[in-house]
């Protein structure tokens, strides 16, 4: 069984990686996905739903990483970021399901 110090060391290392990832990627990903969403939402069809779902999933990834880091640091606002992450992932998945139903012929 791993000692508490070993587990804490692993968690600290993961939190550092998460912070580094956020610092390097989060702003770029959020800007890029917001741009993609604006473009895709202008299209009056179901075709961009898969892209919309992917963009929402990427935004959910950013919010989730931010929420985990804030919670690790003891900030209650991490729960709000984690909640946003779940919502973005849910709606991203919902868009992909709608796209699949539309283009697979499974809609009645």
C-alpha atoms as a PDB file:
ATOM      1  CA  UNK A   1       0.000   0.000   0.000  1.00  0.00           C
ATOM      2  CA  UNK A   2       1.318   3.402  -0.963  1.00  0.00           C
ATOM      3  CA  UNK A   3       2.227   5.765   1.816  1.00  0.00           C
ATOM      4  CA  UNK A   4       0.398   9.061   2.240  1.00  0.00           C
ATOM      5  CA  UNK A   5       3.559  10.979   1.351  1.00  0.00           C
ATOM      6  CA  UNK A   6       3.894   9.015  -1.882  1.00  0.00           C
ATOM      7  CA  UNK A   7       0.263   9.714  -2.814  1.00  0.00           C
ATOM      8  CA  UNK A   8       0.658  13.400  -1.960  1.00  0.00           C
ATOM      9  CA  UNK A   9       3.797  13.544  -4.117  1.00  0.00           C
ATOM     10  CA  UNK A  10       1.899  12.011  -7.039  1.00  0.00           C
ATOM     11  CA  UNK A  11      -1.004  14.423  -6.631  1.00  0.00           C
ATOM     12  CA  UNK A  12       1.381  17.383  -6.387  1.00  0.00           C
ATOM     13  CA  UNK A  13       3.082  16.255  -9.594  1.00  0.00           C
ATOM     14  CA  UNK A  14      -0.266  15.897 -11.382  1.00  0.00           C
ATOM     15  CA  UNK A  15      -1.373  19.337 -10.182  1.00  0.00           C
ATOM     16  CA  UNK A  16       1.865  20.869 -11.480  1.00  0.00           C
ATOM     17  CA  UNK A  17       1.343  19.207 -14.870  1.00  0.00           C
ATOM     18  CA  UNK A  18      -2.230  20.472 -14.935  1.00  0.00           C
ATOM     19  CA  UNK A  19      -1.109  24.032 -14.163  1.00  0.00           C
ATOM     20  CA  UNK A  20       1.594  23.850 -16.828  1.00  0.00           C
ATOM     21  CA  UNK A  21      -0.902  22.516 -19.367  1.00  0.00           C
ATOM     22  CA  UNK A  22      -3.371  25.295 -18.537  1.00  0.00           C
ATOM     23  CA  UNK A  23      -0.686  27.967 -18.788  1.00  0.00           C
ATOM     24  CA  UNK A  24       0.475  26.703 -22.189  1.00  0.00           C
ATOM     25  CA  UNK A  25      -2.837  25.721 -23.782  1.00  0.00           C
ATOM     26  CA  UNK A  26      -6.062  26.943 -22.176  1.00  0.00           C
ATOM     27  CA  UNK A  27      -6.238  30.459 -23.653  1.00  0.00           C
ATOM     28  CA  UNK A  28      -5.294  29.241 -27.115  1.00  0.00           C
ATOM     29  CA  UNK A  29      -7.829  26.395 -27.017  1.00  0.00           C
ATOM     30  CA  UNK A  30     -10.621  28.623 -25.725  1.00  0.00           C
ATOM     31  CA  UNK A  31      -9.980  31.274 -28.391  1.00  0.00           C
ATOM     32  CA  UNK A  32      -9.753  28.690 -31.173  1.00  0.00           C
ATOM     33  CA  UNK A  33     -12.879  26.802 -30.134  1.00  0.00           C
ATOM     34  CA  UNK A  34     -14.885  30.024 -29.699  1.00  0.00           C
ATOM     35  CA  UNK A  35     -13.920  30.968 -33.263  1.00  0.00           C
ATOM     36  CA  UNK A  36     -14.937  27.513 -34.550  1.00  0.00           C
ATOM     37  CA  UNK A  37     -18.250  27.696 -32.685  1.00  0.00           C
ATOM     38  CA  UNK A  38     -19.093  31.089 -34.194  1.00  0.00           C
ATOM     39  CA  UNK A  39     -18.390  29.745 -37.678  1.00  0.00           C
ATOM     40  CA  UNK A  40     -20.321  26.507 -37.172  1.00  0.00           C
ATOM     41  CA  UNK A  41     -23.323  28.139 -35.526  1.00  0.00           C
ATOM     42  CA  UNK A  42     -23.819  30.351 -38.589  1.00  0.00           C
ATOM     43  CA  UNK A  43     -24.573  27.328 -40.742  1.00  0.00           C
ATOM     44  CA  UNK A  44     -28.316  26.600 -41.012  1.00  0.00           C
ATOM     45  CA  UNK A  45     -28.032  22.806 -41.019  1.00  0.00           C
ATOM     46  CA  UNK A  46     -27.235  19.783 -38.899  1.00  0.00           C
ATOM     47  CA  UNK A  47     -23.871  19.259 -40.624  1.00  0.00           C
ATOM     48  CA  UNK A  48     -21.749  21.294 -38.183  1.00  0.00           C
ATOM     49  CA  UNK A  49     -23.200  19.569 -35.081  1.00  0.00           C
ATOM     50  CA  UNK A  50     -20.267  17.140 -34.870  1.00  0.00           C
ATOM     51  CA  UNK A  51     -17.829  20.070 -34.964  1.00  0.00           C
ATOM     52  CA  UNK A  52     -19.891  21.966 -32.397  1.00  0.00           C
ATOM     53  CA  UNK A  53     -19.830  18.908 -30.150  1.00  0.00           C
ATOM     54  CA  UNK A  54     -16.059  18.617 -30.470  1.00  0.00           C
ATOM     55  CA  UNK A  55     -15.581  22.313 -29.655  1.00  0.00           C
ATOM     56  CA  UNK A  56     -17.818  22.078 -26.606  1.00  0.00           C
ATOM     57  CA  UNK A  57     -15.861  19.029 -25.447  1.00  0.00           C
ATOM     58  CA  UNK A  58     -12.561  20.902 -25.754  1.00  0.00           C
ATOM     59  CA  UNK A  59     -13.973  23.828 -23.782  1.00  0.00           C
ATOM     60  CA  UNK A  60     -15.175  21.338 -21.170  1.00  0.00           C
ATOM     61  CA  UNK A  61     -11.640  19.971 -20.961  1.00  0.00           C
ATOM     62  CA  UNK A  62     -10.279  23.446 -20.195  1.00  0.00           C
ATOM     63  CA  UNK A  63     -12.912  24.183 -17.562  1.00  0.00           C
ATOM     64  CA  UNK A  64     -12.349  20.789 -15.971  1.00  0.00           C
ATOM     65  CA  UNK A  65      -8.593  21.253 -15.765  1.00  0.00           C
ATOM     66  CA  UNK A  66      -9.058  24.711 -14.280  1.00  0.00           C
ATOM     67  CA  UNK A  67     -11.620  23.403 -11.783  1.00  0.00           C
ATOM     68  CA  UNK A  68      -9.386  20.543 -10.645  1.00  0.00           C
ATOM     69  CA  UNK A  69      -6.477  22.911 -10.126  1.00  0.00           C
ATOM     70  CA  UNK A  70      -8.583  25.408  -8.183  1.00  0.00           C
ATOM     71  CA  UNK A  71      -9.995  22.660  -5.974  1.00  0.00           C
ATOM     72  CA  UNK A  72      -6.535  21.315  -5.309  1.00  0.00           C
ATOM     73  CA  UNK A  73      -5.506  24.825  -4.255  1.00  0.00           C
ATOM     74  CA  UNK A  74      -8.477  24.979  -1.870  1.00  0.00           C
ATOM     75  CA  UNK A  75     -10.609  27.424  -3.872  1.00  0.00           C
ATOM     76  CA  UNK A  76     -14.333  26.717  -3.775  1.00  0.00           C
ATOM     77  CA  UNK A  77     -14.660  28.322  -7.216  1.00  0.00           C
ATOM     78  CA  UNK A  78     -13.205  25.093  -8.572  1.00  0.00           C
ATOM     79  CA  UNK A  79     -16.636  23.514  -8.145  1.00  0.00           C
ATOM     80  CA  UNK A  80     -18.162  26.100 -10.467  1.00  0.00           C
ATOM     81  CA  UNK A  81     -15.491  25.430 -13.103  1.00  0.00           C
ATOM     82  CA  UNK A  82     -15.998  21.681 -12.722  1.00  0.00           C
ATOM     83  CA  UNK A  83     -19.748  22.155 -13.103  1.00  0.00           C
ATOM     84  CA  UNK A  84     -19.171  24.128 -16.322  1.00  0.00           C
ATOM     85  CA  UNK A  85     -16.941  21.332 -17.553  1.00  0.00           C
ATOM     86  CA  UNK A  86     -19.664  18.740 -17.036  1.00  0.00           C
ATOM     87  CA  UNK A  87     -22.216  20.937 -18.819  1.00  0.00           C
ATOM     88  CA  UNK A  88     -19.927  21.565 -21.789  1.00  0.00           C
ATOM     89  CA  UNK A  89     -19.148  17.851 -22.076  1.00  0.00           C
ATOM     90  CA  UNK A  90     -22.850  16.966 -21.818  1.00  0.00           C
ATOM     91  CA  UNK A  91     -23.899  19.416 -24.530  1.00  0.00           C
ATOM     92  CA  UNK A  92     -20.985  18.385 -26.705  1.00  0.00           C
ATOM     93  CA  UNK A  93     -22.076  14.777 -26.473  1.00  0.00           C
ATOM     94  CA  UNK A  94     -25.690  15.755 -27.088  1.00  0.00           C
ATOM     95  CA  UNK A  95     -24.697  17.583 -30.288  1.00  0.00           C
ATOM     96  CA  UNK A  96     -22.765  14.538 -31.492  1.00  0.00           C
ATOM     97  CA  UNK A  97     -25.758  12.297 -30.802  1.00  0.00           C
ATOM     98  CA  UNK A  98     -28.055  14.625 -32.757  1.00  0.00           C
ATOM     99  CA  UNK A  99     -25.563  14.696 -35.636  1.00  0.00           C
ATOM    100  CA  UNK A 100     -25.297  10.912 -35.641  1.00  0.00           C
ATOM    101  CA  UNK A 101     -29.073  10.488 -35.570  1.00  0.00           C
ATOM    102  CA  UNK A 102     -29.492  12.943 -38.423  1.00  0.00           C
ATOM    103  CA  UNK A 103     -26.869  11.427 -40.701  1.00  0.00           C
ATOM    104  CA  UNK A 104     -27.196   7.749 -39.840  1.00  0.00           C
ATOM    105  CA  UNK A 105     -30.855   7.625 -40.766  1.00  0.00           C
ATOM    106  CA  UNK A 106     -31.817   6.501 -37.258  1.00  0.00           C
ATOM    107  CA  UNK A 107     -34.278   9.364 -36.784  1.00  0.00           C
ATOM    108  CA  UNK A 108     -37.866   8.469 -37.425  1.00  0.00           C
END
